[in-house]
Amino acid sequence: MIHAILAQQGANGAGYAMGGMMIVFIIIAIVASIFWLWMLIDCLTSNMPTAEKVLWVVVILFLHLLGALIYYFVARGGGRNVVT
């Protein structure tokens, strides 16, 4: 039975398309997790006051990728060179 299912998927190419999409989703998940970890470490090692640091760590932990993106663009400045 499994052989028949695999033969049918191979005949129309749907199995290969799903495999390709799965690889893309896995790569996106890995990149997002690395970015999340990078922002968490950046927040923990920053020179912010302790209360602000705790707040950002909570935001990053609970909102995962969204929290990391918010931290990147708001607290970190989004890669812009800010003159102080």
C-alpha atoms as a PDB file:
ATOM      1  CA  MET A   1       0.000   0.000   0.000  1.00  0.00           C
ATOM      2  CA  ILE A   2       2.800   2.434   0.867  1.00  0.00           C
ATOM      3  CA  HIS A   3       4.494   1.574  -2.410  1.00  0.00           C
ATOM      4  CA  ALA A   4       1.304   2.477  -4.299  1.00  0.00           C
ATOM      5  CA  ILE A   5       1.054   5.837  -2.505  1.00  0.00           C
ATOM      6  CA  LEU A   6       4.695   6.651  -3.220  1.00  0.00           C
ATOM      7  CA  ALA A   7       4.305   5.649  -6.853  1.00  0.00           C
ATOM      8  CA  GLN A   8       1.252   7.875  -7.190  1.00  0.00           C
ATOM      9  CA  GLN A   9       3.029  10.854  -5.610  1.00  0.00           C
ATOM     10  CA  GLY A  10       6.062  10.331  -7.807  1.00  0.00           C
ATOM     11  CA  ALA A  11       3.885  10.180 -10.901  1.00  0.00           C
ATOM     12  CA  ASN A  12       2.441  13.663 -10.476  1.00  0.00           C
ATOM     13  CA  GLY A  13       5.424  15.283  -8.744  1.00  0.00           C
ATOM     14  CA  ALA A  14       3.461  16.364  -5.669  1.00  0.00           C
ATOM     15  CA  GLY A  15       5.790  14.485  -3.346  1.00  0.00           C
ATOM     16  CA  TYR A  16       8.823  16.316  -4.662  1.00  0.00           C
ATOM     17  CA  ALA A  17       7.125  19.713  -4.429  1.00  0.00           C
ATOM     18  CA  MET A  18       6.139  19.105  -0.816  1.00  0.00           C
ATOM     19  CA  GLY A  19       9.674  17.983  -0.004  1.00  0.00           C
ATOM     20  CA  GLY A  20      11.099  21.141  -1.561  1.00  0.00           C
ATOM     21  CA  MET A  21       8.702  23.365   0.338  1.00  0.00           C
ATOM     22  CA  MET A  22       9.509  21.543   3.560  1.00  0.00           C
ATOM     23  CA  ILE A  23      13.216  22.268   3.061  1.00  0.00           C
ATOM     24  CA  VAL A  24      12.433  25.968   2.526  1.00  0.00           C
ATOM     25  CA  PHE A  25      10.332  26.083   5.715  1.00  0.00           C
ATOM     26  CA  ILE A  26      13.078  24.340   7.692  1.00  0.00           C
ATOM     27  CA  ILE A  27      15.685  26.822   6.436  1.00  0.00           C
ATOM     28  CA  ILE A  28      13.422  29.766   7.338  1.00  0.00           C
ATOM     29  CA  ALA A  29      12.833  28.292  10.809  1.00  0.00           C
ATOM     30  CA  ILE A  30      16.565  27.839  11.393  1.00  0.00           C
ATOM     31  CA  VAL A  31      17.359  31.395  10.253  1.00  0.00           C
ATOM     32  CA  ALA A  32      14.536  32.799  12.432  1.00  0.00           C
ATOM     33  CA  SER A  33      15.774  30.846  15.462  1.00  0.00           C
ATOM     34  CA  ILE A  34      19.355  32.046  14.951  1.00  0.00           C
ATOM     35  CA  PHE A  35      18.112  35.648  14.676  1.00  0.00           C
ATOM     36  CA  TRP A  36      16.011  35.191  17.825  1.00  0.00           C
ATOM     37  CA  LEU A  37      18.986  33.815  19.752  1.00  0.00           C
ATOM     38  CA  TRP A  38      21.236  36.610  18.461  1.00  0.00           C
ATOM     39  CA  MET A  39      18.778  39.279  19.651  1.00  0.00           C
ATOM     40  CA  LEU A  40      18.374  37.579  23.041  1.00  0.00           C
ATOM     41  CA  ILE A  41      22.150  37.460  23.561  1.00  0.00           C
ATOM     42  CA  ASP A  42      22.487  41.043  22.308  1.00  0.00           C
ATOM     43  CA  CYS A  43      19.871  42.186  24.810  1.00  0.00           C
ATOM     44  CA  LEU A  44      21.474  40.322  27.703  1.00  0.00           C
ATOM     45  CA  THR A  45      24.932  41.731  26.954  1.00  0.00           C
ATOM     46  CA  SER A  46      23.824  45.308  26.272  1.00  0.00           C
ATOM     47  CA  ASN A  47      24.522  48.314  28.477  1.00  0.00           C
ATOM     48  CA  MET A  48      20.850  49.017  29.190  1.00  0.00           C
ATOM     49  CA  PRO A  49      19.596  49.504  32.739  1.00  0.00           C
ATOM     50  CA  THR A  50      18.606  46.250  34.418  1.00  0.00           C
ATOM     51  CA  ALA A  51      14.862  46.986  34.478  1.00  0.00           C
ATOM     52  CA  GLU A  52      14.818  47.800  30.773  1.00  0.00           C
ATOM     53  CA  LYS A  53      16.905  44.718  29.999  1.00  0.00           C
ATOM     54  CA  VAL A  54      14.473  42.472  31.916  1.00  0.00           C
ATOM     55  CA  LEU A  55      11.551  43.988  30.029  1.00  0.00           C
ATOM     56  CA  TRP A  56      13.194  43.353  26.642  1.00  0.00           C
ATOM     57  CA  VAL A  57      14.148  39.789  27.598  1.00  0.00           C
ATOM     58  CA  VAL A  58      10.524  39.088  28.533  1.00  0.00           C
ATOM     59  CA  VAL A  59       9.328  40.596  25.232  1.00  0.00           C
ATOM     60  CA  ILE A  60      11.830  38.551  23.223  1.00  0.00           C
ATOM     61  CA  LEU A  61      11.067  35.332  25.121  1.00  0.00           C
ATOM     62  CA  PHE A  62       7.294  35.548  24.908  1.00  0.00           C
ATOM     63  CA  LEU A  63       6.926  36.950  21.387  1.00  0.00           C
ATOM     64  CA  HIS A  64       9.783  34.897  19.885  1.00  0.00           C
ATOM     65  CA  LEU A  65      10.474  36.141  16.335  1.00  0.00           C
ATOM     66  CA  LEU A  66       8.098  39.101  16.596  1.00  0.00           C
ATOM     67  CA  GLY A  67       9.709  40.162  19.875  1.00  0.00           C
ATOM     68  CA  ALA A  68      13.182  39.825  18.362  1.00  0.00           C
ATOM     69  CA  LEU A  69      12.143  41.963  15.393  1.00  0.00           C
ATOM     70  CA  ILE A  70      10.629  44.607  17.696  1.00  0.00           C
ATOM     71  CA  TYR A  71      13.814  44.659  19.771  1.00  0.00           C
ATOM     72  CA  TYR A  72      15.967  44.915  16.631  1.00  0.00           C
ATOM     73  CA  PHE A  73      14.083  47.895  15.214  1.00  0.00           C
ATOM     74  CA  VAL A  74      13.191  49.733  18.440  1.00  0.00           C
ATOM     75  CA  ALA A  75      15.850  49.152  21.087  1.00  0.00           C
ATOM     76  CA  ARG A  76      18.781  48.342  18.866  1.00  0.00           C
ATOM     77  CA  GLY A  77      18.059  51.001  16.261  1.00  0.00           C
ATOM     78  CA  GLY A  78      17.639  48.617  13.331  1.00  0.00           C
ATOM     79  CA  GLY A  79      21.254  48.757  12.278  1.00  0.00           C
ATOM     80  CA  ARG A  80      21.215  52.538  11.858  1.00  0.00           C
ATOM     81  CA  ASN A  81      24.151  54.533  13.116  1.00  0.00           C
ATOM     82  CA  VAL A  82      22.633  56.816  15.730  1.00  0.00           C
ATOM     83  CA  VAL A  83      24.757  59.775  16.740  1.00  0.00           C
ATOM     84  CA  THR A  84      24.492  60.509  20.450  1.00  0.00           C
END
